PDB file of all heavy atoms in Angstrom:
ATOM      1  N   GLY A   1      82.086  63.846  80.402  1.00  0.00           N
ATOM      2  CA  GLY A   1      81.362  62.767  79.785  1.00  0.00           C
ATOM      3  C   GLY A   1      81.476  62.591  78.247  1.00  0.00           C
ATOM      4  O   GLY A   1      81.068  61.597  77.691  1.00  0.00           O
ATOM      5  N   GLY A   2      82.091  63.612  77.575  1.00  0.00           N
ATOM      6  CA  GLY A   2      82.280  63.517  76.160  1.00  0.00           C
ATOM      7  C   GLY A   2      83.254  62.440  75.771  1.00  0.00           C
ATOM      8  O   GLY A   2      84.093  61.883  76.583  1.00  0.00           O
ATOM      9  N   GLY A   3      83.320  62.043  74.518  1.00  0.00           N
ATOM     10  CA  GLY A   3      84.263  61.079  74.064  1.00  0.00           C
ATOM     11  C   GLY A   3      83.913  60.549  72.743  1.00  0.00           C
ATOM     12  O   GLY A   3      83.036  61.109  71.958  1.00  0.00           O
ATOM     13  N   LEU A   4      84.563  59.416  72.356  1.00  0.00           N
ATOM     14  CA  LEU A   4      84.372  58.768  71.057  1.00  0.00           C
ATOM     15  C   LEU A   4      83.578  57.451  71.287  1.00  0.00           C
ATOM     16  O   LEU A   4      83.969  56.687  72.148  1.00  0.00           O
ATOM     17  CB  LEU A   4      85.767  58.474  70.471  1.00  0.00           C
ATOM     18  CG  LEU A   4      85.652  57.578  69.134  1.00  0.00           C
ATOM     19  CD1 LEU A   4      84.986  58.267  68.022  1.00  0.00           C
ATOM     20  CD2 LEU A   4      87.142  57.148  68.798  1.00  0.00           C
ATOM     21  N   VAL A   5      82.495  57.317  70.551  1.00  0.00           N
ATOM     22  CA  VAL A   5      81.653  56.066  70.616  1.00  0.00           C
ATOM     23  C   VAL A   5      81.317  55.646  69.172  1.00  0.00           C
ATOM     24  O   VAL A   5      81.268  56.466  68.236  1.00  0.00           O
ATOM     25  CB  VAL A   5      80.423  56.287  71.389  1.00  0.00           C
ATOM     26  CG1 VAL A   5      80.758  56.608  72.879  1.00  0.00           C
ATOM     27  CG2 VAL A   5      79.571  57.459  70.839  1.00  0.00           C
ATOM     28  N   GLN A   6      80.908  54.372  68.994  1.00  0.00           N
ATOM     29  CA  GLN A   6      80.488  53.828  67.832  1.00  0.00           C
ATOM     30  C   GLN A   6      78.979  54.144  67.588  1.00  0.00           C
ATOM     31  O   GLN A   6      78.271  54.327  68.642  1.00  0.00           O
ATOM     32  CB  GLN A   6      80.775  52.313  67.759  1.00  0.00           C
ATOM     33  CG  GLN A   6      82.226  52.004  67.728  1.00  0.00           C
ATOM     34  CD  GLN A   6      82.414  50.495  67.475  1.00  0.00           C
ATOM     35  OE1 GLN A   6      81.664  49.702  68.028  1.00  0.00           O
ATOM     36  NE2 GLN A   6      83.458  50.054  66.805  1.00  0.00           N
ATOM     37  N   PRO A   7      78.508  54.205  66.413  1.00  0.00           N
ATOM     38  CA  PRO A   7      77.126  54.346  66.133  1.00  0.00           C
ATOM     39  C   PRO A   7      76.306  53.270  66.899  1.00  0.00           C
ATOM     40  O   PRO A   7      76.695  52.139  66.963  1.00  0.00           O
ATOM     41  CB  PRO A   7      77.019  54.210  64.600  1.00  0.00           C
ATOM     42  CG  PRO A   7      78.316  54.619  64.104  1.00  0.00           C
ATOM     43  CD  PRO A   7      79.367  54.132  65.086  1.00  0.00           C
ATOM     44  N   GLY A   8      75.223  53.717  67.476  1.00  0.00           N
ATOM     45  CA  GLY A   8      74.403  52.883  68.307  1.00  0.00           C
ATOM     46  C   GLY A   8      74.782  52.864  69.727  1.00  0.00           C
ATOM     47  O   GLY A   8      74.013  52.348  70.626  1.00  0.00           O
ATOM     48  N   GLY A   9      75.893  53.482  70.023  1.00  0.00           N
ATOM     49  CA  GLY A   9      76.442  53.498  71.446  1.00  0.00           C
ATOM     50  C   GLY A   9      75.754  54.576  72.313  1.00  0.00           C
ATOM     51  O   GLY A   9      74.877  55.320  71.842  1.00  0.00           O
ATOM     52  N   SER A  10      76.247  54.707  73.486  1.00  0.00           N
ATOM     53  CA  SER A  10      75.690  55.600  74.459  1.00  0.00           C
ATOM     54  C   SER A  10      76.791  56.438  75.151  1.00  0.00           C
ATOM     55  O   SER A  10      77.901  55.973  75.324  1.00  0.00           O
ATOM     56  CB  SER A  10      74.794  54.897  75.498  1.00  0.00           C
ATOM     57  OG  SER A  10      73.752  54.249  74.957  1.00  0.00           O
ATOM     58  N   LEU A  11      76.371  57.637  75.567  1.00  0.00           N
ATOM     59  CA  LEU A  11      77.248  58.424  76.417  1.00  0.00           C
ATOM     60  C   LEU A  11      76.298  59.283  77.348  1.00  0.00           C
ATOM     61  O   LEU A  11      75.197  59.475  77.076  1.00  0.00           O
ATOM     62  CB  LEU A  11      78.077  59.485  75.598  1.00  0.00           C
ATOM     63  CG  LEU A  11      79.280  59.085  74.808  1.00  0.00           C
ATOM     64  CD1 LEU A  11      79.788  60.233  73.910  1.00  0.00           C
ATOM     65  CD2 LEU A  11      80.297  58.592  75.784  1.00  0.00           C
ATOM     66  N   ARG A  12      76.921  59.553  78.456  1.00  0.00           N
ATOM     67  CA  ARG A  12      76.202  60.382  79.431  1.00  0.00           C
ATOM     68  C   ARG A  12      77.082  61.656  79.735  1.00  0.00           C
ATOM     69  O   ARG A  12      78.125  61.492  80.268  1.00  0.00           O
ATOM     70  CB  ARG A  12      75.942  59.565  80.710  1.00  0.00           C
ATOM     71  CG  ARG A  12      75.114  60.290  81.808  1.00  0.00           C
ATOM     72  CD  ARG A  12      74.897  59.444  83.050  1.00  0.00           C
ATOM     73  NE  ARG A  12      74.098  60.115  84.024  1.00  0.00           N
ATOM     74  CZ  ARG A  12      72.771  60.295  84.089  1.00  0.00           C
ATOM     75  NH1 ARG A  12      72.073  59.658  83.146  1.00  0.00           N
ATOM     76  NH2 ARG A  12      72.243  60.807  85.138  1.00  0.00           N
ATOM     77  N   LEU A  13      76.481  62.797  79.372  1.00  0.00           N
ATOM     78  CA  LEU A  13      77.067  64.021  79.652  1.00  0.00           C
ATOM     79  C   LEU A  13      76.619  64.650  81.059  1.00  0.00           C
ATOM     80  O   LEU A  13      75.423  64.463  81.322  1.00  0.00           O
ATOM     81  CB  LEU A  13      76.872  65.089  78.608  1.00  0.00           C
ATOM     82  CG  LEU A  13      77.254  64.619  77.159  1.00  0.00           C
ATOM     83  CD1 LEU A  13      76.928  65.767  76.225  1.00  0.00           C
ATOM     84  CD2 LEU A  13      78.685  64.190  77.038  1.00  0.00           C
ATOM     85  N   SER A  14      77.578  65.254  81.746  1.00  0.00           N
ATOM     86  CA  SER A  14      77.181  65.889  82.997  1.00  0.00           C
ATOM     87  C   SER A  14      77.692  67.261  83.093  1.00  0.00           C
ATOM     88  O   SER A  14      78.782  67.616  82.422  1.00  0.00           O
ATOM     89  CB  SER A  14      77.714  65.121  84.186  1.00  0.00           C
ATOM     90  OG  SER A  14      77.127  63.835  84.329  1.00  0.00           O
ATOM     91  N   CYS A  15      77.038  68.161  83.736  1.00  0.00           N
ATOM     92  CA  CYS A  15      77.408  69.537  83.807  1.00  0.00           C
ATOM     93  C   CYS A  15      77.019  69.986  85.297  1.00  0.00           C
ATOM     94  O   CYS A  15      75.906  70.007  85.558  1.00  0.00           O
ATOM     95  CB  CYS A  15      76.777  70.434  82.786  1.00  0.00           C
ATOM     96  SG  CYS A  15      77.027  72.248  82.967  1.00  0.00           S
ATOM     97  N   ALA A  16      78.051  70.436  85.934  1.00  0.00           N
ATOM     98  CA  ALA A  16      77.867  70.929  87.276  1.00  0.00           C
ATOM     99  C   ALA A  16      78.016  72.460  87.338  1.00  0.00           C
ATOM    100  O   ALA A  16      79.059  72.868  86.858  1.00  0.00           O
ATOM    101  CB  ALA A  16      78.783  70.290  88.245  1.00  0.00           C
ATOM    102  N   ALA A  17      77.104  73.115  87.894  1.00  0.00           N
ATOM    103  CA  ALA A  17      77.131  74.566  88.027  1.00  0.00           C
ATOM    104  C   ALA A  17      77.466  75.047  89.461  1.00  0.00           C
ATOM    105  O   ALA A  17      77.064  74.388  90.411  1.00  0.00           O
ATOM    106  CB  ALA A  17      75.785  75.283  87.669  1.00  0.00           C
ATOM    107  N   SER A  18      78.326  76.064  89.538  1.00  0.00           N
ATOM    108  CA  SER A  18      78.666  76.504  90.872  1.00  0.00           C
ATOM    109  C   SER A  18      78.820  78.118  90.747  1.00  0.00           C
ATOM    110  O   SER A  18      78.912  78.658  89.625  1.00  0.00           O
ATOM    111  CB  SER A  18      80.012  75.983  91.321  1.00  0.00           C
ATOM    112  OG  SER A  18      81.070  76.327  90.376  1.00  0.00           O
ATOM    113  N   GLY A  19      78.747  78.769  91.864  1.00  0.00           N
ATOM    114  CA  GLY A  19      78.885  80.221  91.822  1.00  0.00           C
ATOM    115  C   GLY A  19      77.599  80.853  92.411  1.00  0.00           C
ATOM    116  O   GLY A  19      76.984  80.244  93.413  1.00  0.00           O
ATOM    117  N   SER A  20      77.252  81.977  91.864  1.00  0.00           N
ATOM    118  CA  SER A  20      76.073  82.729  92.390  1.00  0.00           C
ATOM    119  C   SER A  20      74.805  82.314  91.864  1.00  0.00           C
ATOM    120  O   SER A  20      74.163  82.917  91.033  1.00  0.00           O
ATOM    121  CB  SER A  20      76.389  84.178  92.012  1.00  0.00           C
ATOM    122  OG  SER A  20      77.543  84.736  92.604  1.00  0.00           O
ATOM    123  N   ILE A  21      74.430  81.133  92.232  1.00  0.00           N
ATOM    124  CA  ILE A  21      73.136  80.488  91.915  1.00  0.00           C
ATOM    125  C   ILE A  21      72.134  80.674  93.033  1.00  0.00           C
ATOM    126  O   ILE A  21      71.980  79.847  93.962  1.00  0.00           O
ATOM    127  CB  ILE A  21      73.313  79.034  91.545  1.00  0.00           C
ATOM    128  CG1 ILE A  21      74.369  78.869  90.450  1.00  0.00           C
ATOM    129  CG2 ILE A  21      71.975  78.489  91.086  1.00  0.00           C
ATOM    130  CD1 ILE A  21      74.600  77.442  90.131  1.00  0.00           C
ATOM    131  N   PHE A  22      71.415  81.805  92.890  1.00  0.00           N
ATOM    132  CA  PHE A  22      70.449  82.095  94.021  1.00  0.00           C
ATOM    133  C   PHE A  22      69.068  82.426  93.428  1.00  0.00           C
ATOM    134  O   PHE A  22      68.209  82.873  94.227  1.00  0.00           O
ATOM    135  CB  PHE A  22      70.966  83.279  94.859  1.00  0.00           C
ATOM    136  CG  PHE A  22      71.278  84.501  93.995  1.00  0.00           C
ATOM    137  CD1 PHE A  22      70.425  85.424  93.650  1.00  0.00           C
ATOM    138  CD2 PHE A  22      72.574  84.698  93.640  1.00  0.00           C
ATOM    139  CE1 PHE A  22      70.628  86.513  92.919  1.00  0.00           C
ATOM    140  CE2 PHE A  22      72.984  85.830  92.851  1.00  0.00           C
ATOM    141  CZ  PHE A  22      71.943  86.785  92.534  1.00  0.00           C
ATOM    142  N   SER A  23      68.927  82.200  92.167  1.00  0.00           N
ATOM    143  CA  SER A  23      67.574  82.493  91.553  1.00  0.00           C
ATOM    144  C   SER A  23      67.120  81.258  90.800  1.00  0.00           C
ATOM    145  O   SER A  23      67.823  80.308  90.687  1.00  0.00           O
ATOM    146  CB  SER A  23      67.745  83.688  90.608  1.00  0.00           C
ATOM    147  OG  SER A  23      68.669  83.463  89.600  1.00  0.00           O
ATOM    148  N   SER A  24      65.940  81.331  90.272  1.00  0.00           N
ATOM    149  CA  SER A  24      65.422  80.334  89.460  1.00  0.00           C
ATOM    150  C   SER A  24      66.257  80.160  88.142  1.00  0.00           C
ATOM    151  O   SER A  24      66.687  81.191  87.667  1.00  0.00           O
ATOM    152  CB  SER A  24      63.902  80.439  89.118  1.00  0.00           C
ATOM    153  OG  SER A  24      63.735  81.601  88.378  1.00  0.00           O
ATOM    154  N   TYR A  25      66.396  79.024  87.650  1.00  0.00           N
ATOM    155  CA  TYR A  25      67.268  78.783  86.546  1.00  0.00           C
ATOM    156  C   TYR A  25      66.882  77.540  85.762  1.00  0.00           C
ATOM    157  O   TYR A  25      66.261  76.556  86.264  1.00  0.00           O
ATOM    158  CB  TYR A  25      68.724  78.583  87.018  1.00  0.00           C
ATOM    159  CG  TYR A  25      69.004  77.428  87.840  1.00  0.00           C
ATOM    160  CD1 TYR A  25      69.451  76.195  87.361  1.00  0.00           C
ATOM    161  CD2 TYR A  25      68.844  77.543  89.254  1.00  0.00           C
ATOM    162  CE1 TYR A  25      69.720  75.174  88.164  1.00  0.00           C
ATOM    163  CE2 TYR A  25      69.157  76.460  90.007  1.00  0.00           C
ATOM    164  CZ  TYR A  25      69.510  75.243  89.483  1.00  0.00           C
ATOM    165  OH  TYR A  25      69.806  74.189  90.360  1.00  0.00           O
ATOM    166  N   ALA A  26      67.080  77.624  84.428  1.00  0.00           N
ATOM    167  CA  ALA A  26      66.948  76.543  83.585  1.00  0.00           C
ATOM    168  C   ALA A  26      68.335  76.008  83.138  1.00  0.00           C
ATOM    169  O   ALA A  26      69.287  76.848  83.161  1.00  0.00           O
ATOM    170  CB  ALA A  26      66.147  76.830  82.348  1.00  0.00           C
ATOM    171  N   MET A  27      68.447  74.798  82.851  1.00  0.00           N
ATOM    172  CA  MET A  27      69.724  74.092  82.429  1.00  0.00           C
ATOM    173  C   MET A  27      69.432  73.404  81.122  1.00  0.00           C
ATOM    174  O   MET A  27      68.374  72.823  80.936  1.00  0.00           O
ATOM    175  CB  MET A  27      70.259  73.238  83.469  1.00  0.00           C
ATOM    176  CG  MET A  27      70.486  73.929  84.902  1.00  0.00           C
ATOM    177  SD  MET A  27      71.338  72.840  86.114  1.00  0.00           S
ATOM    178  CE  MET A  27      72.989  72.974  85.446  1.00  0.00           C
ATOM    179  N   GLY A  28      70.404  73.385  80.345  1.00  0.00           N
ATOM    180  CA  GLY A  28      70.272  72.599  79.084  1.00  0.00           C
ATOM    181  C   GLY A  28      71.630  72.351  78.389  1.00  0.00           C
ATOM    182  O   GLY A  28      72.625  72.667  78.837  1.00  0.00           O
ATOM    183  N   TRP A  29      71.425  71.685  77.223  1.00  0.00           N
ATOM    184  CA  TRP A  29      72.504  71.392  76.367  1.00  0.00           C
ATOM    185  C   TRP A  29      72.331  71.864  74.939  1.00  0.00           C
ATOM    186  O   TRP A  29      71.223  71.712  74.462  1.00  0.00           O
ATOM    187  CB  TRP A  29      72.707  69.866  76.317  1.00  0.00           C
ATOM    188  CG  TRP A  29      73.255  69.256  77.628  1.00  0.00           C
ATOM    189  CD1 TRP A  29      72.472  68.769  78.656  1.00  0.00           C
ATOM    190  CD2 TRP A  29      74.622  69.149  78.051  1.00  0.00           C
ATOM    191  NE1 TRP A  29      73.265  68.334  79.677  1.00  0.00           N
ATOM    192  CE2 TRP A  29      74.568  68.509  79.304  1.00  0.00           C
ATOM    193  CE3 TRP A  29      75.744  69.440  77.483  1.00  0.00           C
ATOM    194  CZ2 TRP A  29      75.766  68.334  80.004  1.00  0.00           C
ATOM    195  CZ3 TRP A  29      76.972  69.256  78.177  1.00  0.00           C
ATOM    196  CH2 TRP A  29      76.943  68.644  79.448  1.00  0.00           C
ATOM    197  N   TYR A  30      73.348  72.452  74.455  1.00  0.00           N
ATOM    198  CA  TYR A  30      73.415  72.768  73.014  1.00  0.00           C
ATOM    199  C   TYR A  30      74.534  72.082  72.326  1.00  0.00           C
ATOM    200  O   TYR A  30      75.403  71.556  72.994  1.00  0.00           O
ATOM    201  CB  TYR A  30      73.543  74.320  72.870  1.00  0.00           C
ATOM    202  CG  TYR A  30      72.319  75.158  73.292  1.00  0.00           C
ATOM    203  CD1 TYR A  30      72.006  75.292  74.565  1.00  0.00           C
ATOM    204  CD2 TYR A  30      71.668  75.911  72.330  1.00  0.00           C
ATOM    205  CE1 TYR A  30      70.911  76.042  74.989  1.00  0.00           C
ATOM    206  CE2 TYR A  30      70.513  76.639  72.701  1.00  0.00           C
ATOM    207  CZ  TYR A  30      70.099  76.736  73.997  1.00  0.00           C
ATOM    208  OH  TYR A  30      69.099  77.549  74.399  1.00  0.00           O
ATOM    209  N   ARG A  31      74.500  72.030  70.978  1.00  0.00           N
ATOM    210  CA  ARG A  31      75.639  71.403  70.390  1.00  0.00           C
ATOM    211  C   ARG A  31      75.865  72.276  69.056  1.00  0.00           C
ATOM    212  O   ARG A  31      75.038  72.908  68.548  1.00  0.00           O
ATOM    213  CB  ARG A  31      75.382  69.993  69.954  1.00  0.00           C
ATOM    214  CG  ARG A  31      74.302  69.699  68.998  1.00  0.00           C
ATOM    215  CD  ARG A  31      73.994  68.241  68.765  1.00  0.00           C
ATOM    216  NE  ARG A  31      73.003  67.925  67.851  1.00  0.00           N
ATOM    217  CZ  ARG A  31      72.467  66.755  67.639  1.00  0.00           C
ATOM    218  NH1 ARG A  31      72.911  65.735  68.340  1.00  0.00           N
ATOM    219  NH2 ARG A  31      71.566  66.600  66.684  1.00  0.00           N
ATOM    220  N   GLN A  32      77.092  72.111  68.645  1.00  0.00           N
ATOM    221  CA  GLN A  32      77.548  72.833  67.420  1.00  0.00           C
ATOM    222  C   GLN A  32      78.557  71.992  66.624  1.00  0.00           C
ATOM    223  O   GLN A  32      79.548  71.610  67.137  1.00  0.00           O
ATOM    224  CB  GLN A  32      78.168  74.213  67.756  1.00  0.00           C
ATOM    225  CG  GLN A  32      78.534  75.057  66.598  1.00  0.00           C
ATOM    226  CD  GLN A  32      78.884  76.467  66.848  1.00  0.00           C
ATOM    227  OE1 GLN A  32      79.305  76.770  68.004  1.00  0.00           O
ATOM    228  NE2 GLN A  32      78.661  77.355  65.924  1.00  0.00           N
ATOM    229  N   ALA A  33      78.243  71.707  65.433  1.00  0.00           N
ATOM    230  CA  ALA A  33      79.082  70.983  64.508  1.00  0.00           C
ATOM    231  C   ALA A  33      79.757  72.006  63.670  1.00  0.00           C
ATOM    232  O   ALA A  33      79.333  73.078  63.410  1.00  0.00           O
ATOM    233  CB  ALA A  33      78.258  69.982  63.676  1.00  0.00           C
ATOM    234  N   PRO A  34      80.893  71.594  63.062  1.00  0.00           N
ATOM    235  CA  PRO A  34      81.738  72.479  62.253  1.00  0.00           C
ATOM    236  C   PRO A  34      80.872  72.985  61.056  1.00  0.00           C
ATOM    237  O   PRO A  34      80.096  72.263  60.395  1.00  0.00           O
ATOM    238  CB  PRO A  34      82.898  71.687  61.691  1.00  0.00           C
ATOM    239  CG  PRO A  34      83.029  70.633  62.769  1.00  0.00           C
ATOM    240  CD  PRO A  34      81.615  70.322  63.256  1.00  0.00           C
ATOM    241  N   GLY A  35      80.835  74.294  60.895  1.00  0.00           N
ATOM    242  CA  GLY A  35      80.071  74.972  59.822  1.00  0.00           C
ATOM    243  C   GLY A  35      78.631  75.071  60.005  1.00  0.00           C
ATOM    244  O   GLY A  35      77.926  75.534  59.157  1.00  0.00           O
TER     245      GLY A  35
END
């Protein structure tokens, strides 16, 4: 879902988890800009 947008625009990010998911879990998003 990432990409280039103009100011005021919208994007929708998605993240799908797979594997050994058998316990309670939280999901979230972090971000990091250069520096």
